[in-house]
Amino acid sequence: MKKDFKAKIALCLSPEKSNFSPFLFIGDLYKGIYTAADLGYDGVEVSIRDSKEMDQEKLVKTMDSLNMKVYSIATGQSFFTDGYSFSSEDKDKRTNAISRMKGHIDFAQILNCSLVVGGILGNVKVKYGTGTDIEKRIIDSLNQCLQYAKEKNVVILFEPINLYMTYFICTLDEGADFIRSFGYDNMEMIPDTHHMNIEEKSMTESLAKHIDLIHYIHFSDSNRQAPGFGNIDYQSIVNTLKQKKFDGVISFEILPLPDDMAAAKQAIRYTKSLLNSN
């Protein structure tokens, strides 16, 4: 691997089942962590419904013992499992979503990691910039979380999501405009190649254009499986990241197909082969 290319490799895991489950070793977090360590991953991303219900000390001690890192906490399960979202008309559900996020932020501070915001916005069927009440609720909720995260020195990673799941923010152009509208220096963008494959005219051009906001990226192929199991041209994506001296995290948010172990092995082996190519 080129000396100026210092990407870290992470595996997305979940300690419990969810209605949205492109994660490996679902329900067996520590098997996933130990497997990731054995396969040579640098760390993990953990999708958590409620951080306050986690054995936080156990996770911290386990990662330290393996010399690994939790790079981010994914937050969408509060919506997909419990129906809490920033866009909900129900004030209690919005309040619960914000409370969950603040709990995640507290845990992220302990782990010294970032926080992914995507699914917790809810199933939004309006575009950003339309001035709707839905948009106002999202912005107000996210503002509260961003301010809280800033006080805790936690970075929020905003994820554009394809139009089959939301209309709100789908492309990197839209994501960048949205992020900059808040004016917080602790908010960045997390592209996901699965969503980009649907939304972007040129994935490589979009990544290059917005690389200043990108220090974390999800790799997930066109079929939501491990890179190399679909039809996305990952060599061109990796080449773009190399050219831009990307020094962040590549995390695999993928389905457990054909099974957890095979997917975990494919993701790291295939991606590292591209990273190590000239």
Protein backbone atom coordinates (compact mmCIF):
# COMPACT_ATOMS: atom_id res chain seq x y z
CA MET A 1 0.00 0.00 0.00
CA LYS A 2 1.29 3.45 -0.82
CA LYS A 3 2.83 5.21 2.17
CA ASP A 4 0.55 8.24 1.79
CA PHE A 5 -2.59 6.09 1.81
CA LYS A 6 -3.48 5.31 5.40
CA ALA A 7 -7.08 4.08 5.28
CA LYS A 8 -8.31 1.96 8.18
CA ILE A 9 -10.57 -1.04 7.55
CA ALA A 10 -13.66 -1.70 9.69
CA LEU A 11 -16.52 -4.19 9.83
CA CYS A 12 -20.12 -3.16 10.60
CA LEU A 13 -21.63 -5.25 13.40
CA SER A 14 -24.85 -5.23 15.41
CA PRO A 15 -25.49 -6.65 18.90
CA GLU A 16 -29.18 -7.16 18.14
CA LYS A 17 -31.51 -7.80 15.22
CA SER A 18 -33.13 -4.95 13.34
CA ASN A 19 -35.55 -4.47 10.46
CA PHE A 20 -32.54 -2.96 8.64
CA SER A 21 -29.73 -5.46 8.81
CA PRO A 22 -26.75 -5.05 6.43
CA PHE A 23 -24.49 -6.10 9.29
CA LEU A 24 -22.49 -9.21 10.11
CA PHE A 25 -22.68 -11.46 13.19
CA ILE A 26 -26.01 -9.93 14.15
CA GLY A 27 -26.82 -10.69 17.78
CA ASP A 28 -23.29 -11.90 18.55
CA LEU A 29 -21.24 -8.73 18.75
CA TYR A 30 -18.18 -10.24 20.40
CA LYS A 31 -17.94 -13.10 17.93
CA GLY A 32 -17.92 -10.43 15.25
CA ILE A 33 -15.23 -8.42 17.02
CA TYR A 34 -12.94 -11.41 17.57
CA THR A 35 -13.48 -12.56 13.99
CA ALA A 36 -12.62 -9.09 12.69
CA ALA A 37 -9.44 -9.14 14.76
CA ASP A 38 -8.46 -12.57 13.41
CA LEU A 39 -9.03 -11.44 9.83
CA GLY A 40 -6.87 -8.34 10.19
CA TYR A 41 -9.47 -5.58 10.47
CA ASP A 42 -8.36 -2.41 12.22
CA GLY A 43 -11.67 -2.02 14.02
CA VAL A 44 -15.44 -2.08 13.83
CA GLU A 45 -18.52 0.07 13.42
CA VAL A 46 -21.33 -0.86 15.80
CA SER A 47 -25.02 -0.34 15.06
CA ILE A 48 -26.68 0.31 18.42
CA ARG A 49 -30.36 0.78 19.24
CA ASP A 50 -29.74 2.25 22.71
CA SER A 51 -26.22 2.90 24.00
CA LYS A 52 -27.49 3.09 27.58
CA GLU A 53 -28.42 -0.61 27.40
CA MET A 54 -24.92 -1.62 26.28
CA ASP A 55 -22.26 -2.99 28.60
CA GLN A 56 -20.02 -0.08 27.71
CA GLU A 57 -17.13 -1.07 29.94
CA LYS A 58 -16.98 -4.56 28.40
CA LEU A 59 -16.82 -3.16 24.87
CA VAL A 60 -14.08 -0.69 25.77
CA LYS A 61 -11.99 -3.35 27.52
CA THR A 62 -12.43 -5.84 24.68
CA MET A 63 -11.33 -3.38 22.02
CA ASP A 64 -8.33 -2.28 24.10
CA SER A 65 -7.28 -5.90 24.66
CA LEU A 66 -7.31 -6.54 20.91
CA ASN A 67 -5.61 -3.24 20.06
CA MET A 68 -8.60 -2.39 17.90
CA LYS A 69 -10.92 0.60 17.70
CA VAL A 70 -14.62 1.29 17.43
CA TYR A 71 -14.60 3.84 14.63
CA SER A 72 -18.26 4.80 14.69
CA ILE A 73 -21.69 4.14 16.18
CA ALA A 74 -24.53 3.75 13.66
CA THR A 75 -27.83 5.11 14.97
CA GLY A 76 -30.60 4.04 12.56
CA GLN A 77 -31.97 1.23 14.71
CA SER A 78 -33.84 3.72 16.88
CA PHE A 79 -36.04 4.33 13.83
CA PHE A 80 -36.05 0.90 12.21
CA THR A 81 -36.78 -0.94 15.46
CA ASP A 82 -38.58 1.57 17.69
CA GLY A 83 -39.98 4.12 15.24
CA TYR A 84 -38.14 7.09 16.80
CA SER A 85 -37.04 9.65 14.24
CA PHE A 86 -36.16 13.31 13.77
CA SER A 87 -38.97 13.75 11.22
CA SER A 88 -41.84 12.24 13.22
CA GLU A 89 -44.99 14.29 13.76
CA ASP A 90 -45.15 12.71 17.22
CA LYS A 91 -43.25 15.00 19.59
CA ASP A 92 -42.53 12.13 22.00
CA LYS A 93 -40.93 10.08 19.23
CA ARG A 94 -38.75 13.02 18.22
CA THR A 95 -37.78 13.60 21.83
CA ASN A 96 -36.89 9.93 22.20
CA ALA A 97 -34.82 10.04 19.01
CA ILE A 98 -32.85 13.03 20.32
CA SER A 99 -32.41 11.36 23.71
CA ARG A 100 -31.10 8.20 22.03
CA MET A 101 -28.69 10.30 19.99
CA LYS A 102 -27.37 12.08 23.07
CA GLY A 103 -26.81 8.69 24.71
CA HIS A 104 -24.88 7.58 21.63
CA ILE A 105 -22.86 10.80 21.74
CA ASP A 106 -21.92 10.16 25.36
CA PHE A 107 -20.75 6.65 24.43
CA ALA A 108 -18.94 7.94 21.34
CA GLN A 109 -17.01 10.34 23.57
CA ILE A 110 -15.86 7.39 25.70
CA LEU A 111 -14.90 5.39 22.62
CA ASN A 112 -13.35 8.42 20.89
CA CYS A 113 -15.36 7.62 17.78
CA SER A 114 -17.83 9.29 15.41
CA LEU A 115 -21.58 8.88 14.99
CA VAL A 116 -23.45 7.99 11.77
CA VAL A 117 -26.73 9.83 11.12
CA GLY A 118 -28.92 8.51 8.33
CA GLY A 119 -31.83 6.24 9.08
CA ILE A 120 -32.77 8.08 12.26
CA LEU A 121 -34.13 10.91 10.09
CA GLY A 122 -37.02 8.56 9.29
CA ASN A 123 -38.80 7.61 6.08
CA VAL A 124 -38.86 11.13 4.65
CA LYS A 125 -40.87 11.70 1.48
CA VAL A 126 -39.96 15.34 0.86
CA LYS A 127 -36.80 16.87 -0.58
CA TYR A 128 -34.47 19.11 1.39
CA GLY A 129 -35.02 22.78 0.62
CA THR A 130 -38.82 22.63 0.35
CA GLY A 131 -39.38 24.37 3.68
CA THR A 132 -41.85 21.79 4.94
CA ASP A 133 -42.66 21.13 8.59
CA ILE A 134 -40.88 17.76 8.20
CA GLU A 135 -37.69 19.53 7.14
CA LYS A 136 -37.97 21.99 10.03
CA ARG A 137 -38.34 19.11 12.51
CA ILE A 138 -35.27 17.37 11.11
CA ILE A 139 -33.15 20.51 11.19
CA ASP A 140 -34.24 21.39 14.73
CA SER A 141 -33.53 17.87 16.01
CA LEU A 142 -30.18 17.65 14.28
CA ASN A 143 -29.16 21.09 15.53
CA GLN A 144 -29.73 19.95 19.11
CA CYS A 145 -27.62 16.86 18.54
CA LEU A 146 -24.84 18.72 16.74
CA GLN A 147 -24.54 21.24 19.56
CA TYR A 148 -24.43 18.46 22.15
CA ALA A 149 -21.87 16.54 20.08
CA LYS A 150 -19.70 19.63 19.69
CA GLU A 151 -19.57 20.02 23.46
CA LYS A 152 -18.41 16.41 23.69
CA ASN A 153 -15.89 16.68 20.80
CA VAL A 154 -17.80 14.07 18.79
CA VAL A 155 -18.05 14.16 14.99
CA ILE A 156 -21.42 13.53 13.33
CA LEU A 157 -21.26 11.74 9.97
CA PHE A 158 -24.26 12.49 7.76
CA GLU A 159 -25.16 9.80 5.21
CA PRO A 160 -26.98 10.54 1.92
CA ILE A 161 -29.41 7.67 1.26
CA ASN A 162 -30.94 6.53 -2.02
CA LEU A 163 -34.44 7.54 -3.13
CA TYR A 164 -35.92 4.11 -2.47
CA MET A 165 -35.49 4.80 1.25
CA THR A 166 -35.85 8.59 1.48
CA TYR A 167 -36.31 11.61 -0.77
CA PHE A 168 -34.63 14.04 1.62
CA ILE A 169 -30.88 13.92 0.91
CA CYS A 170 -29.88 11.40 -1.76
CA THR A 171 -26.70 12.65 -3.45
CA LEU A 172 -23.33 13.86 -2.21
CA ASP A 173 -24.05 17.31 -3.69
CA GLU A 174 -27.22 17.53 -1.60
CA GLY A 175 -25.42 16.16 1.44
CA ALA A 176 -22.63 18.71 1.17
CA ASP A 177 -25.09 21.61 0.87
CA PHE A 178 -27.05 20.31 3.86
CA ILE A 179 -23.95 19.89 6.02
CA ARG A 180 -22.60 23.34 5.20
CA SER A 181 -25.97 24.95 5.97
CA PHE A 182 -25.49 24.08 9.67
CA GLY A 183 -22.08 25.71 10.00
CA TYR A 184 -20.73 23.15 12.48
CA ASP A 185 -17.12 22.00 12.19
CA ASN A 186 -18.00 18.63 13.79
CA MET A 187 -20.23 17.49 10.91
CA GLU A 188 -18.90 15.55 7.94
CA MET A 189 -20.31 13.28 5.24
CA ILE A 190 -20.25 9.49 5.03
CA PRO A 191 -20.85 8.28 1.46
CA ASP A 192 -22.10 4.73 0.96
CA THR A 193 -21.17 3.11 -2.34
CA HIS A 194 -24.45 1.16 -2.45
CA HIS A 195 -26.45 4.40 -2.33
CA MET A 196 -24.00 6.19 -4.62
CA ASN A 197 -24.34 3.47 -7.25
CA ILE A 198 -28.04 4.37 -7.49
CA GLU A 199 -27.79 8.14 -7.17
CA GLU A 200 -24.50 9.45 -8.58
CA LYS A 201 -23.80 10.09 -12.25
CA SER A 202 -20.11 9.45 -11.52
CA MET A 203 -19.15 7.97 -8.18
CA THR A 204 -15.49 8.88 -8.56
CA GLU A 205 -16.18 12.48 -9.59
CA SER A 206 -18.56 12.95 -6.66
CA LEU A 207 -16.03 11.54 -4.19
CA ALA A 208 -13.26 13.73 -5.56
CA LYS A 209 -15.47 16.83 -5.51
CA HIS A 210 -16.42 16.45 -1.85
CA ILE A 211 -13.33 14.77 -0.43
CA ASP A 212 -12.80 17.63 2.04
CA LEU A 213 -15.97 16.49 3.86
CA ILE A 214 -15.15 12.78 3.68
CA HIS A 215 -13.03 10.92 6.21
CA TYR A 216 -15.23 7.84 6.44
CA ILE A 217 -16.89 5.76 3.72
CA HIS A 218 -19.16 2.71 3.60
CA PHE A 219 -18.23 0.06 1.06
CA SER A 220 -21.24 -2.03 0.04
CA ASP A 221 -21.68 -3.44 -3.44
CA SER A 222 -24.63 -2.92 -5.80
CA ASN A 223 -26.48 -5.86 -4.21
CA ARG A 224 -25.60 -4.82 -0.61
CA GLN A 225 -23.09 -7.63 -0.41
CA ALA A 226 -19.33 -7.48 0.15
CA PRO A 227 -17.26 -5.59 -2.43
CA GLY A 228 -16.55 -7.83 -5.40
CA PHE A 229 -19.85 -9.70 -5.09
CA GLY A 230 -21.71 -7.06 -7.15
CA ASN A 231 -20.95 -4.85 -10.14
CA ILE A 232 -19.46 -1.65 -8.66
CA ASP A 233 -16.04 -0.70 -10.05
CA TYR A 234 -14.15 -0.54 -6.76
CA GLN A 235 -10.76 -0.22 -8.40
CA SER A 236 -11.69 3.21 -9.74
CA ILE A 237 -13.08 4.21 -6.34
CA VAL A 238 -9.92 3.08 -4.54
CA ASN A 239 -7.77 4.85 -7.14
CA THR A 240 -9.69 8.08 -6.49
CA LEU A 241 -9.23 7.74 -2.73
CA LYS A 242 -5.52 7.16 -3.24
CA GLN A 243 -5.19 10.17 -5.51
CA LYS A 244 -6.92 12.34 -2.90
CA LYS A 245 -4.74 10.88 -0.10
CA PHE A 246 -7.79 9.67 1.81
CA ASP A 247 -6.64 8.81 5.35
CA GLY A 248 -9.95 7.85 6.97
CA VAL A 249 -12.01 4.71 7.49
CA ILE A 250 -13.43 2.24 4.99
CA SER A 251 -16.24 0.34 6.72
CA PHE A 252 -18.20 -2.58 5.27
CA GLU A 253 -21.98 -2.26 5.79
CA ILE A 254 -22.94 -5.50 4.07
CA LEU A 255 -25.39 -8.38 4.14
CA PRO A 256 -24.26 -11.69 5.66
CA LEU A 257 -24.22 -13.48 2.30
CA PRO A 258 -23.44 -16.22 1.54
CA ASP A 259 -22.78 -16.23 5.31
CA ASP A 260 -21.16 -13.98 7.93
CA MET A 261 -17.67 -15.45 7.73
CA ALA A 262 -17.53 -15.61 3.94
CA ALA A 263 -18.72 -12.00 3.67
CA ALA A 264 -16.19 -10.77 6.25
CA LYS A 265 -13.34 -12.57 4.47
CA GLN A 266 -14.38 -11.37 1.02
CA ALA A 267 -14.68 -7.74 2.10
CA ILE A 268 -11.21 -7.39 3.57
CA ARG A 269 -9.35 -9.61 1.13
CA TYR A 270 -10.86 -8.06 -1.98
CA THR A 271 -10.51 -4.48 -0.74
CA LYS A 272 -6.94 -4.94 0.47
CA SER A 273 -6.01 -6.39 -2.91
CA LEU A 274 -7.18 -3.13 -4.47
CA LEU A 275 -5.51 -0.98 -1.85
CA ASN A 276 -2.19 -2.75 -2.41
CA SER A 277 -2.33 -2.49 -6.20
CA ASN A 278 -0.37 0.18 -8.01
